[in-house]
Structure formats: structure tokens, C-alpha cells
Amino acid sequence: MERPNPITKSYPVFDCDAHIDEPLEIWDYVPESERDLVRATYWRDEHGGVLNGTTRVFAGGNEFWAPSYNPVCIAGPQMNKKIMRKLLLTQLSDEQRDYVVHRGAFDPHARVGDMDLMGIDQVLVIPTAVVVNLPFARNARGAAVFARAYNTWLRDWCDAVPDRLFGAAVLPPDPALAAEEVRYAAEHGFPVALIRPIEGITGYPNDIGAAMTADDPRLPPTFDAVFRAFEERDLCLGMHTQAAGAMTAMPIPGQLVSPGDLLGRARVGSETLSFVFEAQTWLGQVLLSGFLDRYPRLRMLIFESNSQWLPYLLATCDRLFKLYANEREVPSTRLPSEAFYEQCAISFESDESPTFRQWRAFEDIGIWASDVYHHDGADAWSAIRELQNAGVPDAVQEKLMGGNARRLYGIEGKVFVTDEPGPIPRPNWFPQGAAFDEWCELVAHPRENADRLREFETARQRP
């Protein structure tokens, strides 16, 4: 059945945060002379990933498949949360699991085919497991060698389709080596380099206070050199959060790894709010400390943390900034909201209707993210449809869906897809049709429909 009111667009969409499932080929880029070092730091082979030589971690690939689909590769063209929920509750065969793995998660040419279906003209590619694991690598030089291997691989990967694929460089956790990698990334055309809002080895949060006093030669090296390198090379700093639960294999004794750890202590899945907690804690420090006044040419992007909370946080920080002016240790002349609007941007996803209703607050700082191929990813068509339903003006839609990101990245916009495609033909076992629609209605209210759901599943299992 054709979609009602298919969308046609005339402007280029830029996806500012889409992921890859890191393939084994990345580790082929590690120089032979450095392989023993990287094996003891962060390595992946056909058996899985190992951090610091002993800790088993997810590093990409199909070891994430059990019990049903791979959530790192699931959200491709014409997938949605209802379909994925149904698939998650279904015991899939190997053939069915293979069907729902989107090759665009690791193959650049398949990625472009998916982008055409999803209404995405250009994309910033961000890693998945590397963002989780690399901050916890204990060998500084080994982490730097791996980061260089990853960035070299990613440059080649994006060069397969250079007008459409753009990479976010990764940095090692050591400040001096990270600053060097920022310079390498800028020289090789990366528009963004990524930092976690934590230093994995030294705990949460990233020690802004140390960076702010880095002029004192008696203190050890800090991330001040990294932030200076971002300014000098005019490279965007991408602050990408992660779920605390993903880091349980790398505990730091006596410390919280992330504010999301508090959710785990309440027996709540860390992904429910961990991304938001981490971004809010980092950003609160940035806005109230005078950090952006110390680095006035720094352009900072907040990724993977939703966005609808931002106007309230900015208003609260403005109020506290005025209230505690006499207690401020570092001079700062701008209100937090002024500094943010002048130097920062934040990503939003397709289903954030509160953000769309606040479009005036986001007009110049919002950058759309698909978050594919992760299980909560979505296409550009759904975002455009929600923007239209919220009454966002066309000129603002164009900014939010790509114009703001391209301006920050210095990338020329190009249109490769204009029309929303018709439905993709699916195999009979795939969630679809009237029975699937009925199931969706029932599970939307599981308590009220518990008996009906049991009847539904029993009837479905009859021969």
C-alpha cells in the first residue's frame, strides 16, 4: 500500500549523527610493527573485542546478535520502532537475522543506497563501540596508534563516495596525543573530531577545572591543549554521549563512570536517560564555568542526547550565572545562553515533537540526526513530516535538516534525493499488514489488553 501524502523535498538533508558497526578491516590499518601494542590496548578479531588485553567487550560485528537482531544494524530504510519492537520479541532464524542487518552499517556503497531511501543526501559517520571503549584504554600510545588507524580507515571509507560521506575522527584519551590527532584530522579533511564527556581512566566528568587552570606549569597536562588545537585548526568538537550500562565491563573502583550509573543503582536501564544525564552534566559545567569564554573560537556540538531539555537548562544556567556572580572563580562576560548560541549546536531526532514546537529556540542551533543504524534510528522523511505537522516554517526546516550542520562543518550542500519512495517489498514473515497493525494497537496499552494479547499470540501460533 502506498504511503499517504509522500514527501517531496528540494533542499539537501545532512544527517549529523549516524553510526557504523565497526568492521574488522579497521584493525588491518594498524601498522605491523604496532600490532602487539594495539592488541594489548584495543583489538577486535573474528572472536570479539578485547580492551586492555584482558577485558572482553563488544567491538562490532555479529556477536551482538543474540537473541534476535543486531541492534547496531537494525534501523535502516522504512524501519520504525514498532517493527523493531516486534522483531525483538520474535525468535528469528539466521536467515531472518541476516535480512534485518543493513549492510550500510559497514559498507559505504550500501550506505548510499540506504540514504537514498531514507531521504538523506549527506551524512557524518560516527563510530559505535569505539566511542564506548577507547576512553578506557590504559596504554596512551596504543590508544593513539589505534585512533590513527581508525581515522585513516574512515578517510578511505568516506572517499568511496566523497560528496555524500563525511567522517568524525576519534581521539585517544591522552591530552597531548589527542591534540596531535586533532591536527591530523584537520589536515585530512575531517569536519569533526569526537570527545566523550568523560575521561574514562580518570573518572567522570572530564576535569574542566584542570583545563581552566592549565596555565599553571606545576600542574600535569590537561585537555587545555586539545581545546586549543580545536580552535587553532577550526575543527568542530563533537561531544558524543554514551549509555553508562555499556561501560559496566570497565568499572573504576570507587567512582561513578557516568551519571547514568545512578539509574543502574535504581534497577533502571541506563539507556533510558543516561545519554541525557551525561550531556546535561557536561554542558552545565561548560556554561557555568566560563569555559566557552576561555575558548571563544571553539565550536562544540552536543550529540546523542536529545534536545528538548535545552531551553530549560539554558534559562536555569542564566539565572544561576547571575545569582552566583560573586562566587565565580573564572571571569565570564556572556550569559550561558549567549555563549551557547554563539558557539554550540545540539542534535535532535525525528520524534522530538517538543523540540519542533520550540523551533524558534532551535532555528540556528538544531542539527538533525538519524541515529541509524541503531535501534532508535529514523529516516529524514519522518522528521520532515513531524516538522510540517508542528507548523515549522519551510526556511527553518531547511536549516534544521541540514543547513545548520553544513554551515558548522563548512560543507557544500548537494541534493541527491528529492522524493519519498514507495513501500519496500517485504517477505511474508516480516511484521506488516492488518495483523501487525492490530498487534501494535494492543501492545500500546498492554495492561488493558493483556488477555487479548495472549489470545492474539495463541491464534498466531496455531498451524
Protein backbone atom coordinates (compact mmCIF):
# COMPACT_ATOMS: atom_id res chain seq x y z
CA MET A 1 0.00 0.00 0.00
CA GLU A 2 1.36 3.43 -0.92
CA ARG A 3 2.11 5.90 1.84
CA PRO A 4 -0.40 8.72 2.16
CA ASN A 5 0.94 12.12 1.14
CA PRO A 6 4.52 11.15 0.23
CA ILE A 7 7.06 13.89 0.87
CA THR A 8 8.97 15.82 -1.76
CA LYS A 9 11.90 17.99 -0.72
CA SER A 10 14.04 20.46 -2.63
CA TYR A 11 16.86 21.10 -0.13
CA PRO A 12 19.80 18.88 0.90
CA VAL A 13 19.42 16.93 4.14
CA PHE A 14 22.55 16.47 6.23
CA ASP A 15 22.46 13.72 8.87
CA CYS A 16 24.77 14.90 11.65
CA ASP A 17 24.95 11.67 13.67
CA ALA A 18 24.73 8.27 12.02
CA HIS A 19 26.75 5.25 13.04
CA ILE A 20 28.75 2.35 11.73
CA ASP A 21 29.19 -1.17 13.02
CA GLU A 22 32.99 -1.19 13.05
CA PRO A 23 34.27 -3.86 10.60
CA LEU A 24 37.38 -5.97 11.07
CA GLU A 25 39.11 -4.06 8.26
CA ILE A 26 39.81 -1.20 10.67
CA TRP A 27 42.41 -3.29 12.52
CA ASP A 28 44.13 -4.07 9.19
CA TYR A 29 45.16 -0.40 9.19
CA VAL A 30 47.27 -0.89 12.32
CA PRO A 31 50.94 -0.99 11.20
CA GLU A 32 52.51 -4.42 11.55
CA SER A 33 55.16 -3.03 13.88
CA GLU A 34 52.47 -1.75 16.27
CA ARG A 35 50.11 -4.72 16.31
CA ASP A 36 51.32 -6.24 19.57
CA LEU A 37 50.89 -2.86 21.25
CA VAL A 38 47.36 -2.39 19.89
CA ARG A 39 46.42 -5.99 20.70
CA ALA A 40 47.20 -5.18 24.32
CA THR A 41 45.20 -1.94 24.11
CA TYR A 42 42.06 -2.35 21.98
CA TRP A 43 41.63 -5.13 19.45
CA ARG A 44 38.94 -6.98 17.61
CA ASP A 45 39.07 -10.19 15.60
CA GLU A 46 36.51 -12.77 14.50
CA HIS A 47 36.11 -13.89 18.12
CA GLY A 48 35.19 -10.46 19.51
CA GLY A 49 36.79 -7.44 21.13
CA VAL A 50 39.35 -7.14 23.94
CA LEU A 51 40.18 -3.98 25.89
CA ASN A 52 43.49 -3.60 27.73
CA GLY A 53 44.45 -7.13 26.80
CA THR A 54 42.04 -8.86 29.19
CA THR A 55 38.53 -7.34 29.24
CA ARG A 56 36.06 -8.78 26.74
CA VAL A 57 33.98 -6.01 25.16
CA PHE A 58 31.61 -5.53 22.26
CA ALA A 59 33.68 -4.04 19.45
CA GLY A 60 31.38 -4.58 16.47
CA GLY A 61 30.12 -7.49 14.42
CA ASN A 62 27.58 -10.20 14.92
CA GLU A 63 28.43 -11.25 18.47
CA PHE A 64 25.71 -8.73 19.41
CA TRP A 65 23.02 -10.80 17.67
CA ALA A 66 21.55 -12.90 20.44
CA PRO A 67 18.71 -13.44 20.97
CA SER A 68 17.18 -11.82 17.87
CA TYR A 69 18.54 -8.94 15.80
CA ASN A 70 21.73 -6.88 15.91
CA PRO A 71 20.61 -3.51 17.38
CA VAL A 72 23.63 -1.76 15.86
CA CYS A 73 22.47 -2.51 12.30
CA ILE A 74 18.69 -2.64 12.53
CA ALA A 75 17.23 0.82 11.86
CA GLY A 76 17.57 1.18 8.11
CA PRO A 77 15.12 2.25 5.40
CA GLN A 78 11.44 2.05 6.32
CA MET A 79 12.10 0.54 9.71
CA ASN A 80 10.39 2.05 12.74
CA LYS A 81 10.19 1.44 16.47
CA LYS A 82 7.01 -0.66 16.17
CA ILE A 83 8.58 -3.00 13.63
CA MET A 84 11.76 -3.30 15.66
CA ARG A 85 9.83 -3.99 18.84
CA LYS A 86 8.00 -6.82 17.15
CA LEU A 87 11.24 -8.24 15.73
CA LEU A 88 12.87 -8.06 19.15
CA LEU A 89 10.07 -10.23 20.55
CA THR A 90 10.37 -12.73 17.72
CA GLN A 91 12.82 -15.64 17.64
CA LEU A 92 14.41 -15.02 14.26
CA SER A 93 16.19 -17.62 12.18
CA ASP A 94 19.75 -16.98 10.98
CA GLU A 95 18.36 -16.08 7.55
CA GLN A 96 15.86 -13.64 9.06
CA ARG A 97 18.51 -12.01 11.25
CA ASP A 98 20.70 -11.61 8.22
CA TYR A 99 17.83 -9.91 6.37
CA VAL A 100 17.44 -7.18 9.01
CA VAL A 101 21.18 -6.41 9.10
CA HIS A 102 21.60 -3.33 6.92
CA ARG A 103 24.91 -3.51 5.08
CA GLY A 104 25.08 0.26 5.04
CA ALA A 105 26.24 0.00 8.65
CA PHE A 106 29.64 -1.14 7.39
CA ASP A 107 29.71 -0.85 3.56
CA PRO A 108 29.92 2.67 2.05
CA HIS A 109 28.13 1.84 -1.20
CA ALA A 110 25.28 0.09 0.61
CA ARG A 111 25.13 3.13 2.92
CA VAL A 112 24.43 5.44 -0.02
CA GLY A 113 21.65 3.17 -1.24
CA ASP A 114 20.04 3.31 2.19
CA MET A 115 20.47 7.09 2.30
CA ASP A 116 18.55 7.41 -0.98
CA LEU A 117 15.63 5.53 0.53
CA MET A 118 15.81 7.49 3.79
CA GLY A 119 15.89 10.98 2.24
CA ILE A 120 19.47 11.67 3.38
CA ASP A 121 21.79 13.49 0.98
CA GLN A 122 24.94 13.72 3.12
CA VAL A 123 25.98 12.22 6.43
CA LEU A 124 28.52 12.47 9.25
CA VAL A 125 29.64 8.96 10.17
CA ILE A 126 30.30 8.26 13.86
CA PRO A 127 31.62 5.02 15.40
CA THR A 128 29.69 2.86 17.84
CA ALA A 129 31.88 0.63 20.00
CA VAL A 130 34.96 2.84 19.68
CA VAL A 131 33.12 5.70 21.42
CA VAL A 132 32.35 3.35 24.30
CA ASN A 133 35.68 1.57 24.65
CA LEU A 134 38.57 3.82 23.67
CA PRO A 135 38.28 6.24 26.66
CA PHE A 136 39.09 3.25 28.89
CA ALA A 137 42.25 2.20 27.06
CA ARG A 138 45.10 2.32 29.58
CA ASN A 139 48.06 2.44 27.20
CA ALA A 140 48.24 6.01 25.88
CA ARG A 141 50.42 5.23 22.89
CA GLY A 142 48.45 2.11 21.98
CA ALA A 143 45.21 4.13 22.00
CA ALA A 144 46.82 6.78 19.81
CA VAL A 145 48.01 4.19 17.29
CA PHE A 146 44.54 2.69 17.14
CA ALA A 147 42.91 6.13 16.76
CA ARG A 148 45.20 6.89 13.83
CA ALA A 149 44.36 3.52 12.24
CA TYR A 150 40.64 4.15 12.66
CA ASN A 151 40.84 7.66 11.23
CA THR A 152 42.91 6.51 8.25
CA TRP A 153 40.42 3.71 7.57
CA LEU A 154 37.47 6.11 7.90
CA ARG A 155 39.02 8.59 5.49
CA ASP A 156 39.33 5.82 2.88
CA TRP A 157 35.80 4.58 3.66
CA CYS A 158 34.28 8.04 3.11
CA ASP A 159 36.38 8.60 -0.02
CA ALA A 160 34.37 5.81 -1.66
CA VAL A 161 31.54 8.37 -2.07
CA PRO A 162 33.20 11.69 -1.15
CA ASP A 163 30.30 14.05 -1.90
CA ARG A 164 28.00 12.21 0.49
CA LEU A 165 30.05 10.54 3.24
CA PHE A 166 31.94 12.56 5.85
CA GLY A 167 33.74 11.22 8.91
CA ALA A 168 34.03 12.16 12.57
CA ALA A 169 37.57 11.48 13.75
CA VAL A 170 38.22 9.75 17.07
CA LEU A 171 40.82 10.90 19.59
CA PRO A 172 42.91 8.96 22.12
CA PRO A 173 42.31 9.80 25.81
CA ASP A 174 45.80 11.20 26.44
CA PRO A 175 45.65 15.02 26.08
CA ALA A 176 48.96 15.54 24.26
CA LEU A 177 48.31 12.70 21.82
CA ALA A 178 44.69 13.81 21.35
CA ALA A 179 45.86 17.32 20.41
CA GLU A 180 48.18 15.79 17.83
CA GLU A 181 45.30 13.75 16.40
CA VAL A 182 43.12 16.88 16.17
CA ARG A 183 45.77 18.41 13.93
CA TYR A 184 45.91 15.23 11.82
CA ALA A 185 42.12 15.20 11.47
CA ALA A 186 42.03 18.81 10.32
CA GLU A 187 44.81 18.27 7.80
CA HIS A 188 42.95 15.30 6.31
CA GLY A 189 39.59 16.98 5.86
CA PHE A 190 37.58 15.72 8.82
CA PRO A 191 34.93 18.31 9.80
CA VAL A 192 34.52 16.95 13.37
CA ALA A 193 36.55 15.11 15.99
CA LEU A 194 34.88 13.37 18.92
CA ILE A 195 35.35 13.53 22.67
CA ARG A 196 33.33 11.72 25.33
CA PRO A 197 32.08 13.95 28.17
CA ILE A 198 34.27 11.77 30.40
CA GLU A 199 37.91 10.82 30.67
CA GLY A 200 37.41 7.11 31.08
CA ILE A 201 40.51 6.40 33.16
CA THR A 202 40.35 9.41 35.46
CA GLY A 203 36.62 9.30 36.02
CA TYR A 204 33.53 11.39 35.39
CA PRO A 205 33.32 14.16 34.45
CA ASN A 206 36.05 15.47 32.20
CA ASP A 207 38.00 17.75 34.52
CA ILE A 208 37.11 21.18 33.19
CA GLY A 209 38.55 22.80 36.31
CA ALA A 210 42.01 21.45 35.48
CA ALA A 211 41.78 22.64 31.90
CA MET A 212 40.75 26.07 33.11
CA THR A 213 43.90 26.33 35.27
CA ALA A 214 46.25 24.81 32.71
CA ASP A 215 48.40 27.95 32.66
CA ASP A 216 49.94 26.78 35.94
CA PRO A 217 53.15 24.91 34.95
CA ARG A 218 53.12 22.98 38.23
CA LEU A 219 50.02 21.03 37.15
CA PRO A 220 50.04 17.92 34.93
CA PRO A 221 48.94 18.14 31.26
CA THR A 222 45.21 18.66 30.75
CA PHE A 223 42.75 18.81 27.90
CA ASP A 224 43.53 22.51 27.51
CA ALA A 225 45.94 21.59 24.70
CA VAL A 226 43.15 19.66 22.97
CA PHE A 227 40.66 22.52 23.13
CA ARG A 228 43.36 24.91 21.88
CA ALA A 229 44.06 22.58 18.97
CA PHE A 230 40.37 22.57 18.03
CA GLU A 231 40.43 26.36 17.95
CA GLU A 232 43.67 26.61 16.01
CA ARG A 233 42.57 24.13 13.33
CA ASP A 234 38.96 25.39 13.15
CA LEU A 235 37.63 21.89 13.74
CA CYS A 236 34.26 21.17 15.36
CA LEU A 237 34.35 19.37 18.71
CA GLY A 238 31.72 16.66 18.75
CA MET A 239 30.68 15.80 22.31
CA HIS A 240 29.12 12.35 21.95
CA THR A 241 27.49 10.74 24.98
CA GLN A 242 27.04 7.02 25.65
CA ALA A 243 24.96 4.76 27.86
CA ALA A 244 26.50 4.01 31.25
CA GLY A 245 25.42 0.39 31.07
CA ALA A 246 27.71 -0.16 28.11
CA MET A 247 30.67 0.51 30.40
CA THR A 248 29.95 -1.97 33.19
CA ALA A 249 32.82 -4.17 31.99
CA MET A 250 35.28 -1.31 32.68
CA PRO A 251 34.48 -0.23 36.25
CA ILE A 252 36.65 2.28 38.02
CA PRO A 253 36.78 1.31 41.70
CA GLY A 254 35.12 3.85 43.96
CA GLN A 255 33.96 6.08 41.11
CA LEU A 256 30.87 6.61 39.04
CA VAL A 257 31.75 6.19 35.39
CA SER A 258 28.76 8.27 34.30
CA PRO A 259 25.77 9.94 35.96
CA GLY A 260 23.79 7.25 34.19
CA ASP A 261 25.23 4.80 36.72
CA LEU A 262 22.69 6.19 39.17
CA LEU A 263 19.94 4.71 37.01
CA GLY A 264 21.52 1.29 37.26
CA ARG A 265 21.57 1.57 41.04
CA ALA A 266 17.81 2.11 40.88
CA ARG A 267 17.49 -1.03 38.72
CA VAL A 268 16.57 1.11 35.70
CA GLY A 269 18.12 0.52 32.29
CA SER A 270 20.86 3.10 31.84
CA GLU A 271 19.85 3.89 28.26
CA THR A 272 16.58 5.39 29.44
CA LEU A 273 18.23 8.68 30.48
CA SER A 274 21.97 8.08 30.60
CA PHE A 275 22.71 9.94 27.37
CA VAL A 276 20.74 12.97 28.57
CA PHE A 277 22.26 12.93 32.08
CA GLU A 278 25.77 12.84 30.69
CA ALA A 279 25.17 15.70 28.25
CA GLN A 280 23.40 17.86 30.82
CA THR A 281 26.15 17.40 33.41
CA TRP A 282 28.88 18.23 30.91
CA LEU A 283 27.00 21.19 29.48
CA GLY A 284 26.11 22.59 32.91
CA GLN A 285 29.82 22.71 33.74
CA VAL A 286 30.66 24.30 30.40
CA LEU A 287 28.02 27.00 30.71
CA LEU A 288 28.61 27.97 34.33
CA SER A 289 32.41 27.77 34.44
CA GLY A 290 33.28 30.33 31.79
CA PHE A 291 34.73 27.51 29.66
CA LEU A 292 33.44 28.98 26.39
CA ASP A 293 34.94 32.36 27.22
CA ARG A 294 38.31 30.69 27.69
CA TYR A 295 37.91 29.06 24.26
CA PRO A 296 35.93 31.68 22.31
CA ARG A 297 36.70 30.18 18.89
CA LEU A 298 35.70 26.66 19.87
CA ARG A 299 32.67 25.24 18.06
CA MET A 300 31.04 22.49 20.10
CA LEU A 301 28.30 20.08 19.06
CA ILE A 302 26.24 18.04 21.55
CA PHE A 303 25.36 14.64 20.04
CA GLU A 304 23.16 11.69 21.02
CA SER A 305 21.36 13.27 23.96
CA ASN A 306 18.02 14.53 22.59
CA SER A 307 17.41 18.26 22.72
CA GLN A 308 14.02 19.25 24.11
CA TRP A 309 15.55 19.86 27.58
CA LEU A 310 17.98 22.50 26.31
CA PRO A 311 15.86 25.71 26.58
CA TYR A 312 15.09 25.00 30.25
CA LEU A 313 18.75 24.24 31.01
CA LEU A 314 19.89 27.45 29.33
CA ALA A 315 17.32 29.51 31.25
CA THR A 316 18.31 27.86 34.54
CA CYS A 317 22.02 28.41 33.91
CA ASP A 318 21.37 32.09 33.05
CA ARG A 319 19.55 32.52 36.36
CA LEU A 320 22.31 30.79 38.36
CA PHE A 321 25.01 32.67 36.46
CA LYS A 322 23.54 35.96 37.69
CA LEU A 323 22.72 34.72 41.18
CA TYR A 324 26.23 33.45 41.93
CA ALA A 325 28.23 36.08 40.06
CA ASN A 326 30.35 36.90 43.11
CA GLU A 327 31.34 33.27 43.65
CA ARG A 328 32.59 32.76 40.08
CA GLU A 329 36.30 31.90 40.02
CA VAL A 330 36.84 32.50 36.29
CA PRO A 331 35.77 35.78 34.66
CA SER A 332 32.94 35.41 32.15
CA THR A 333 31.15 38.20 30.35
CA ARG A 334 28.40 36.34 28.49
CA LEU A 335 25.28 34.70 29.78
CA PRO A 336 25.38 30.91 29.33
CA SER A 337 22.61 31.09 26.73
CA GLU A 338 24.52 33.75 24.78
CA ALA A 339 27.69 31.66 24.78
CA PHE A 340 25.81 28.55 23.68
CA TYR A 341 24.02 30.27 20.82
CA GLU A 342 27.27 31.79 19.60
CA GLN A 343 29.45 28.66 19.76
CA CYS A 344 27.35 25.49 20.03
CA ALA A 345 24.71 23.33 18.41
CA ILE A 346 22.72 20.28 19.52
CA SER A 347 21.40 17.31 17.63
CA PHE A 348 17.74 16.32 17.64
CA GLU A 349 15.98 13.18 16.40
CA SER A 350 12.91 12.62 14.29
CA ASP A 351 10.40 12.02 17.08
CA GLU A 352 11.21 15.05 19.29
CA SER A 353 7.95 16.90 18.84
CA PRO A 354 8.61 19.21 21.86
CA THR A 355 11.70 20.47 20.04
CA PHE A 356 9.68 21.15 16.91
CA ARG A 357 7.12 23.13 18.90
CA GLN A 358 10.01 25.21 20.28
CA TRP A 359 11.50 25.73 16.82
CA ARG A 360 12.35 29.39 17.44
CA ALA A 361 14.79 28.33 20.15
CA PHE A 362 16.43 25.79 17.84
CA GLU A 363 16.30 27.58 14.49
CA ASP A 364 20.05 28.31 14.36
CA ILE A 365 21.43 25.62 16.69
CA GLY A 366 19.44 22.46 15.87
CA ILE A 367 21.04 19.77 13.70
CA TRP A 368 19.05 16.68 12.72
CA ALA A 369 20.39 13.19 13.47
CA SER A 370 19.02 9.90 12.17
CA ASP A 371 20.99 7.79 14.71
CA VAL A 372 20.91 4.92 12.23
CA TYR A 373 21.64 2.11 12.30
CA HIS A 374 20.85 1.91 15.99
CA HIS A 375 17.52 0.56 17.14
CA ASP A 376 16.03 4.02 17.74
CA GLY A 377 17.11 5.44 14.37
CA ALA A 378 14.71 7.02 11.89
CA ASP A 379 14.71 8.47 8.39
CA ALA A 380 14.55 12.07 7.20
CA TRP A 381 11.02 11.68 5.82
CA SER A 382 9.60 11.08 9.30
CA ALA A 383 11.42 14.12 10.66
CA ILE A 384 10.18 16.35 7.84
CA ARG A 385 6.63 15.08 8.34
CA GLU A 386 6.78 15.90 12.07
CA LEU A 387 8.23 19.35 11.36
CA GLN A 388 5.41 20.04 8.94
CA ASN A 389 2.79 18.82 11.43
CA ALA A 390 4.25 21.20 14.03
CA GLY A 391 3.92 24.14 11.66
CA VAL A 392 7.66 24.83 11.38
CA PRO A 393 8.28 27.30 8.51
CA ASP A 394 9.90 25.85 5.39
CA ALA A 395 13.01 28.05 5.71
CA VAL A 396 13.53 26.86 9.29
CA GLN A 397 13.01 23.22 8.28
CA GLU A 398 15.82 23.60 5.76
CA LYS A 399 18.15 24.94 8.48
CA LEU A 400 17.28 22.20 10.96
CA MET A 401 17.51 19.38 8.43
CA GLY A 402 20.94 20.29 7.11
CA GLY A 403 21.69 23.98 6.73
CA ASN A 404 22.96 24.47 10.27
CA ALA A 405 25.18 21.38 10.18
CA ARG A 406 26.72 22.24 6.82
CA ARG A 407 27.44 25.80 7.98
CA LEU A 408 29.30 24.47 11.03
CA TYR A 409 31.16 21.82 9.03
CA GLY A 410 31.99 24.04 6.06
CA ILE A 411 30.45 21.54 3.62
CA GLU A 412 28.73 22.39 0.35
CA GLY A 413 25.19 21.06 0.28
CA LYS A 414 24.16 18.82 -2.61
CA VAL A 415 20.76 17.28 -3.32
CA PHE A 416 20.80 13.62 -4.35
CA VAL A 417 17.25 12.56 -3.42
CA THR A 418 14.01 14.53 -3.61
CA ASP A 419 11.05 12.12 -3.40
CA GLU A 420 9.97 9.75 -0.67
CA PRO A 421 9.91 6.22 -2.12
CA GLY A 422 7.07 3.76 -2.01
CA PRO A 423 7.00 0.78 0.37
CA ILE A 424 9.82 -1.76 0.19
CA PRO A 425 8.55 -5.27 -0.68
CA ARG A 426 8.98 -7.48 2.39
CA PRO A 427 8.97 -11.26 2.95
CA ASN A 428 5.84 -12.80 4.45
CA TRP A 429 7.36 -13.26 7.92
CA PHE A 430 8.22 -9.55 8.25
CA PRO A 431 5.92 -7.52 10.58
CA GLN A 432 3.35 -5.95 8.27
CA GLY A 433 -0.30 -5.92 7.29
CA ALA A 434 -3.53 -5.88 9.29
CA ALA A 435 -2.41 -8.43 11.88
CA PHE A 436 0.68 -6.37 12.69
CA ASP A 437 -1.39 -3.19 12.93
CA GLU A 438 -3.72 -4.92 15.39
CA TRP A 439 -0.79 -6.11 17.47
CA CYS A 440 0.60 -2.56 17.60
CA GLU A 441 -2.71 -1.28 18.93
CA LEU A 442 -2.82 -3.97 21.60
CA VAL A 443 0.76 -3.52 22.86
CA ALA A 444 0.29 0.24 23.05
CA HIS A 445 -1.88 -0.50 26.13
CA PRO A 446 -0.53 -3.83 27.46
CA ARG A 447 -2.30 -3.87 30.83
CA GLU A 448 -5.72 -3.21 29.39
CA ASN A 449 -5.15 -5.70 26.57
CA ALA A 450 -3.29 -8.49 28.42
CA ASP A 451 -5.97 -11.14 27.76
CA ARG A 452 -6.41 -10.07 24.15
CA LEU A 453 -2.66 -10.19 23.59
CA ARG A 454 -2.50 -13.76 24.87
CA GLU A 455 -5.36 -14.72 22.53
CA PHE A 456 -3.65 -12.95 19.68
CA GLU A 457 -0.35 -14.82 20.19
CA THR A 458 -2.10 -18.17 20.69
CA ALA A 459 -4.07 -17.77 17.44
CA ARG A 460 -0.90 -16.72 15.62
CA GLN A 461 0.93 -19.89 16.69
CA ARG A 462 -1.81 -22.28 15.51
CA PRO A 463 -0.99 -24.20 12.31
